[in-house]
Each structure stands twice: as structure tokens, then as C-alpha cells.
Protein backbone atom coordinates (compact mmCIF):
# COMPACT_ATOMS: atom_id res chain seq x y z
CA MET A 1 30.03 17.71 -14.23
CA GLN A 2 31.12 17.10 -10.65
CA ALA A 3 32.64 13.74 -11.62
CA LYS A 4 34.67 15.45 -14.35
CA PHE A 5 35.91 18.04 -11.86
CA HIS A 6 36.95 15.30 -9.42
CA ARG A 7 38.79 13.45 -12.19
CA ALA A 8 40.56 16.66 -13.20
CA VAL A 9 41.62 17.37 -9.62
CA LEU A 10 42.79 13.81 -9.18
CA GLY A 11 44.80 13.99 -12.40
CA ALA A 12 46.44 17.26 -11.27
CA VAL A 13 47.29 15.79 -7.88
CA MET A 14 48.78 12.68 -9.50
CA ALA A 15 50.79 14.76 -11.91
CA LEU A 16 52.08 16.90 -9.09
CA GLY A 17 53.00 13.81 -7.12
CA LEU A 18 54.92 12.35 -9.99
CA GLN A 19 56.75 15.62 -10.48
CA CYS A 20 57.77 15.66 -6.83
CA ALA A 21 58.69 12.03 -6.71
CA TYR A 22 60.78 11.91 -9.86
CA ALA A 23 63.51 14.43 -10.71
CA ALA A 24 63.87 13.06 -14.23
CA THR A 25 63.13 10.08 -16.48
CA VAL A 26 65.55 8.54 -18.90
CA ASN A 27 63.86 6.69 -21.71
CA GLY A 28 61.07 5.89 -19.29
CA VAL A 29 63.29 4.94 -16.34
CA ALA A 30 62.64 7.20 -13.38
CA ILE A 31 65.33 8.92 -11.32
CA PRO A 32 63.64 9.77 -8.01
CA ASP A 33 64.42 12.80 -5.95
CA SER A 34 65.41 10.52 -3.09
CA ALA A 35 68.22 9.05 -5.22
CA ILE A 36 69.62 12.47 -5.86
CA VAL A 37 69.42 13.48 -2.23
CA ASP A 38 71.19 10.22 -1.23
CA ALA A 39 73.89 10.77 -3.91
CA VAL A 40 74.53 14.30 -2.71
CA ARG A 41 74.84 13.13 0.89
CA ALA A 42 77.12 10.24 -0.12
CA ALA A 43 79.39 12.61 -1.97
CA GLY A 44 79.70 14.80 1.15
CA LEU A 45 78.31 17.79 -0.72
CA PRO A 46 76.14 20.54 0.90
CA ASP A 47 72.44 19.95 0.13
CA SER A 48 71.85 22.82 -2.26
CA ALA A 49 70.05 23.40 -5.57
CA PRO A 50 73.34 23.47 -7.61
CA ALA A 51 74.63 20.34 -5.94
CA ARG A 52 71.33 18.50 -6.62
CA GLU A 53 71.32 19.62 -10.24
CA ALA A 54 74.89 18.51 -10.78
CA MET A 55 74.16 15.14 -9.19
CA LYS A 56 71.00 14.75 -11.25
CA GLN A 57 72.98 15.19 -14.47
CA GLN A 58 75.47 12.56 -13.23
CA LEU A 59 72.68 10.12 -12.53
CA ILE A 60 71.15 10.74 -15.98
CA ALA A 61 74.44 10.10 -17.65
CA ARG A 62 74.92 6.92 -15.50
CA GLU A 63 71.47 5.65 -16.50
CA LEU A 64 72.20 6.35 -20.19
CA PHE A 65 75.41 4.34 -19.91
CA ARG A 66 73.58 1.51 -18.14
CA GLN A 67 70.89 1.33 -20.80
CA GLU A 68 73.48 1.24 -23.61
CA ALA A 69 75.47 -1.41 -21.81
CA ALA A 70 72.32 -3.57 -21.34
CA LYS A 71 71.80 -3.55 -25.11
CA ASP A 72 75.13 -5.25 -25.70
CA LYS A 73 74.31 -8.90 -25.06
CA THR A 74 77.91 -9.96 -25.54
CA LEU A 75 79.27 -8.08 -22.55
CA ASP A 76 78.37 -10.58 -19.89
CA GLN A 77 79.91 -13.37 -21.93
CA ARG A 78 83.36 -11.72 -21.83
CA PRO A 79 85.83 -13.39 -19.41
CA ASP A 80 87.01 -10.11 -17.98
CA VAL A 81 83.42 -8.98 -17.29
CA GLN A 82 82.51 -12.36 -15.75
CA ALA A 83 85.58 -12.09 -13.44
CA LEU A 84 84.50 -8.57 -12.36
CA LEU A 85 80.94 -9.76 -11.73
CA ARG A 86 82.19 -12.71 -9.62
CA GLU A 87 84.40 -10.31 -7.62
CA ALA A 88 81.52 -7.82 -7.10
CA ARG A 89 79.27 -10.64 -5.97
CA ASN A 90 81.90 -12.00 -3.57
CA GLN A 91 82.42 -8.51 -2.05
CA ILE A 92 78.69 -8.05 -1.56
CA LEU A 93 78.33 -11.40 0.12
CA THR A 94 81.39 -10.91 2.28
CA GLN A 95 80.22 -7.50 3.44
CA ALA A 96 76.77 -8.86 4.28
CA TRP A 97 78.32 -11.76 6.21
CA LEU A 98 80.60 -9.52 8.19
CA LYS A 99 77.72 -7.23 9.05
CA ASP A 100 75.84 -10.23 10.45
CA HIS A 101 78.82 -11.71 12.37
CA ILE A 102 80.90 -8.81 13.69
CA LYS A 103 79.10 -7.71 16.85
CA PRO A 104 81.13 -5.06 18.68
CA ALA A 105 80.29 -4.52 22.33
CA PRO A 106 78.18 -1.38 22.85
CA VAL A 107 79.92 1.64 24.29
CA THR A 108 78.42 2.72 27.58
CA ASP A 109 78.03 6.24 28.98
CA ALA A 110 80.25 5.21 31.83
CA GLU A 111 83.06 4.26 29.39
CA VAL A 112 82.72 7.59 27.57
CA ARG A 113 82.91 9.46 30.88
CA ALA A 114 85.91 7.44 32.06
CA ARG A 115 87.82 8.16 28.83
CA TYR A 116 86.97 11.84 29.06
CA ASP A 117 88.28 11.97 32.63
CA ALA A 118 91.49 10.12 31.64
CA ILE A 119 92.15 12.55 28.81
CA VAL A 120 91.61 15.62 31.02
CA ALA A 121 93.98 14.13 33.63
CA THR A 122 96.80 14.11 31.06
CA LEU A 123 96.47 17.85 30.26
CA GLY A 124 98.79 20.48 31.64
CA ASP A 125 98.17 24.10 32.57
CA LYS A 126 99.26 25.35 29.19
CA GLU A 127 98.64 24.29 25.59
CA TYR A 128 100.86 24.94 22.61
CA LYS A 129 100.18 25.86 18.96
CA ALA A 130 103.29 24.78 17.10
CA ARG A 131 104.62 24.28 13.59
CA VAL A 132 107.13 21.61 12.61
CA ILE A 133 109.51 21.01 9.76
CA GLU A 134 110.62 17.46 9.28
CA VAL A 135 113.67 16.66 7.13
CA ALA A 136 115.84 13.67 6.41
CA ASP A 137 119.38 14.84 7.20
CA ASP A 138 121.58 17.34 9.07
CA ALA A 139 122.50 19.29 5.95
CA THR A 140 118.85 19.98 4.98
CA ALA A 141 118.04 20.89 8.60
CA SER A 142 120.95 23.35 8.82
CA ALA A 143 120.01 24.95 5.56
CA ALA A 144 116.41 25.36 6.68
CA LEU A 145 117.51 26.82 10.02
CA ALA A 146 119.73 29.31 8.16
CA ARG A 147 116.77 30.41 6.02
CA ILE A 148 114.69 30.91 9.18
CA LYS A 149 117.44 32.97 10.87
CA ALA A 150 117.64 35.08 7.72
CA GLY A 151 113.99 36.07 8.18
CA GLU A 152 112.27 33.68 5.80
CA ASP A 153 108.77 32.55 6.79
CA PHE A 154 108.74 29.22 8.76
CA ALA A 155 105.46 28.16 7.14
CA LYS A 156 106.81 28.80 3.63
CA ILE A 157 109.91 26.72 4.36
CA ALA A 158 107.75 23.91 5.74
CA GLN A 159 105.64 23.93 2.57
CA ASP A 160 108.88 23.81 0.44
CA ILE A 161 110.84 21.05 2.17
CA SER A 162 109.04 19.36 5.10
CA LEU A 163 108.39 15.62 4.99
CA ALA A 164 105.68 15.81 7.65
CA PRO A 165 101.99 15.40 6.68
CA SER A 166 101.40 18.93 7.95
CA LYS A 167 103.61 20.47 5.23
CA THR A 168 100.60 21.63 3.19
CA ALA A 169 99.44 23.65 6.18
CA GLY A 170 102.83 25.25 6.65
CA GLY A 171 103.78 22.69 9.29
CA ALA A 172 100.85 23.74 11.58
CA MET A 173 99.85 21.33 14.35
CA GLU A 174 96.75 21.23 16.49
CA TRP A 175 96.69 22.76 19.96
CA LEU A 176 98.42 20.31 22.31
CA SER A 177 98.63 20.22 26.10
CA PHE A 178 100.71 18.02 28.39
CA LYS A 179 102.10 18.19 31.89
CA VAL A 180 105.49 19.83 32.47
CA PRO A 181 108.10 18.53 33.14
CA VAL A 182 107.33 16.32 30.17
CA GLN A 183 107.25 12.59 30.81
CA GLU A 184 107.49 9.65 28.42
CA GLY A 185 104.06 8.29 27.47
CA LYS A 186 102.25 11.49 28.61
CA THR A 187 102.82 13.72 25.62
CA GLN A 188 99.57 13.31 23.57
CA ASN A 189 101.39 10.80 21.34
CA LEU A 190 104.19 13.21 20.52
CA PRO A 191 107.77 11.94 20.59
CA LEU A 192 109.28 12.96 23.91
CA PRO A 193 112.06 15.15 22.43
CA ILE A 194 109.56 17.17 20.35
CA ALA A 195 107.28 17.70 23.34
CA GLN A 196 110.27 18.75 25.44
CA ALA A 197 111.26 21.26 22.78
CA MET A 198 107.80 22.71 22.60
CA ALA A 199 107.58 23.15 26.34
CA SER A 200 110.93 24.99 26.42
CA LEU A 201 110.07 27.59 23.76
CA PRO A 202 108.33 30.90 24.24
CA PRO A 203 105.78 32.14 21.67
CA GLY A 204 107.41 33.06 18.36
CA ALA A 205 110.59 31.16 19.03
CA VAL A 206 112.27 28.45 16.97
CA THR A 207 114.39 25.60 18.18
CA PRO A 208 118.01 26.88 18.09
CA ALA A 209 119.18 23.47 16.80
CA PRO A 210 117.44 20.62 15.04
CA VAL A 211 115.75 18.01 17.25
CA VAL A 212 117.26 14.66 16.44
CA LEU A 213 114.81 11.72 16.34
CA GLY A 214 116.05 8.54 14.73
CA GLU A 215 116.83 9.20 11.07
CA ARG A 216 114.93 12.44 11.00
CA ARG A 217 115.60 16.04 12.06
CA TYR A 218 112.94 18.44 13.24
CA LEU A 219 112.67 22.26 13.51
CA ILE A 220 109.85 23.50 15.77
CA LYS A 221 108.29 26.93 16.08
CA ILE A 222 105.78 27.96 18.74
CA ASP A 223 103.09 30.19 17.29
CA ALA A 224 101.20 30.69 20.61
CA VAL A 225 100.81 29.49 24.17
CA ARG A 226 97.61 29.86 26.17
CA PRO A 227 95.91 28.41 29.27
CA THR A 228 94.58 24.95 28.43
CA GLN A 229 91.08 25.06 27.01
CA ILE A 230 89.22 21.98 28.25
CA PRO A 231 86.05 21.21 26.27
CA SER A 232 82.99 20.34 28.28
CA PHE A 233 82.01 16.69 28.58
CA ASP A 234 78.92 17.28 26.39
CA THR A 235 81.08 18.79 23.70
CA ALA A 236 83.72 16.06 23.76
CA ALA A 237 81.48 13.05 24.34
CA PRO A 238 80.37 12.46 20.66
CA GLY A 239 83.99 12.28 19.41
CA ILE A 240 85.09 10.08 22.29
CA ARG A 241 82.14 7.73 21.75
CA GLN A 242 82.97 7.43 18.04
CA ALA A 243 86.62 6.60 18.84
CA LEU A 244 85.58 4.00 21.42
CA GLN A 245 83.10 2.45 18.94
CA ALA A 246 85.88 2.22 16.32
CA GLN A 247 88.08 0.44 18.84
CA ALA A 248 85.25 -1.90 19.80
CA LEU A 249 84.75 -2.76 16.13
CA GLU A 250 88.43 -3.40 15.70
CA ARG A 251 88.49 -5.74 18.75
CA ALA A 252 85.41 -7.61 17.49
CA THR A 253 86.93 -7.98 14.01
CA LEU A 254 90.21 -9.30 15.44
CA THR A 255 88.27 -11.82 17.60
CA LEU A 256 86.44 -13.03 14.60
CA VAL A 257 89.52 -13.36 12.46
CA THR A 258 91.41 -15.22 15.27
CA GLY A 259 88.52 -17.68 15.61
CA LEU A 260 88.47 -18.32 11.87
CA LEU A 261 92.25 -18.80 11.78
CA THR A 262 92.17 -21.46 14.50
CA LYS A 263 89.74 -23.54 12.43
CA ALA A 264 91.27 -22.97 8.98
CA LYS A 265 93.88 -25.10 7.24
CA ILE A 266 96.32 -22.63 5.69
CA THR A 267 99.42 -23.49 3.76
CA GLN A 268 102.04 -20.98 2.67
């Protein structure tokens, strides 16, 4: 009797374990919970019951497709499929080789601190929240300025006609700070004429005339001005470290490519 009880308990535990481990099975092939969690994370979705359910259904469909494709024994004989398989294999091998041979230098705490201090040193007393409209010619700029003077919303005009990447946000830019008077190379990567225009405008004002920069014309509005808000080192450090790591990876990659080029025989 006791043995039967133990077997029953063991069976229940095993059944519960299988239920926890596998979210679904497709013709006997298990789809584990861990695969669903990984897929949700890879898709950048919030880890929620609806997201997991949606991803589970996608994985079930994918497994059904895989099983049906496996039944067709002629697929891997097709030239186009063979070419794709070779390309996939080459990509996998290349990525594995690069992972083994690109060794970026580690970013030290001292480097992060130095970059933070250098960034803080470039900031001015004030920071500006601006909007920008970028157009291709004087006529378009003049027409846009006339609409603004007539009372039309700057953000709406930016969405309508701007060529800048910020057009979908109504031309809105991030908060920016730089020392005044504005100096070339010390404008947080803004073109000097645009930074000068921003520093000259009070909140709510728009440039009275388009700013000319090469082939493009710019209209700028200042939404707000405030004392510069400097994030603490602890707040800024993760982003700075990530940027420095990306730069280290780029340098290591360039070094590797340069070394390979010096040894290769290339004809063009």
C-alpha cells in the first residue's frame, strides 16, 4: 500500500514537472517554457501572460512548419535551398570566428570617470529644449516661416514638411547644453550656426530668418530654457561605459581587418 502511494506521489510530481517544463508539445516535440521566455525577451516584449501566450502560438506554428518541411525530402536537393544553407553555414562560422578573434580592450572605471568629467566640462550654465524644421530650399523655408508667423503650430509644420529625422516628433530635440559664447567643436555635435541660433533665442521664440547650412535651411524654435541638469556619475556611468565599449569593439574590429588586409591578395 505504501509503495503504491509513493508511486502515485512520484507520478504526480513527474507530471507536474513536465507541465512546468513544457509549455506545449507539437506532435510529440516539446516547446519548453524557457524557449518562450527567451523568445519574448529577444522580441523586446514585456514579460507578461499575453506576451508569452502570443509567443507560444508563434513557436507552435513554427514547429508545425518545420515538421512539414522535414517531410519534403526534395527540399534540400534544390539549388536555391542549398545556396541558402551554405550562406547560413558561412554566417554561423564567420560569427563564431569573429567572436573568438575580436578582443576589445576592457573599459576601466577610470576611463568611464574621465569621459564623464570631459562631458560635464563641455556643458554650459543653461540647457535648451528646441524644435527644428529642416527643408531643402529658400522657398520652402519662407513658406514655412509664413505659416508659423500666421499662428500655425510649429510641431505640425515640422511633421508636414521637415526633412530631419525628428519630424515624427514635431521636430523635437533632446535637452542640449553648451557654453556661451558658442565655439566650434563645443556644441554637443550640433552645427555651429544652429547652436548659435538656439543660444540667441528666448523661450517660445522662432528664428526670424532661416539658418543657412550648406544646401539646407533650418527653422528653430525654443520650447524651454532651464539651468543645466547634470546627472550624477552613478546615473550616467552605465551609458558612458556602453558607449566606450562600443568604441573599443570598433577599434578592435578595425585592427583585425587591417591585419587581414595586409596579408591578403586582393584584385579589383
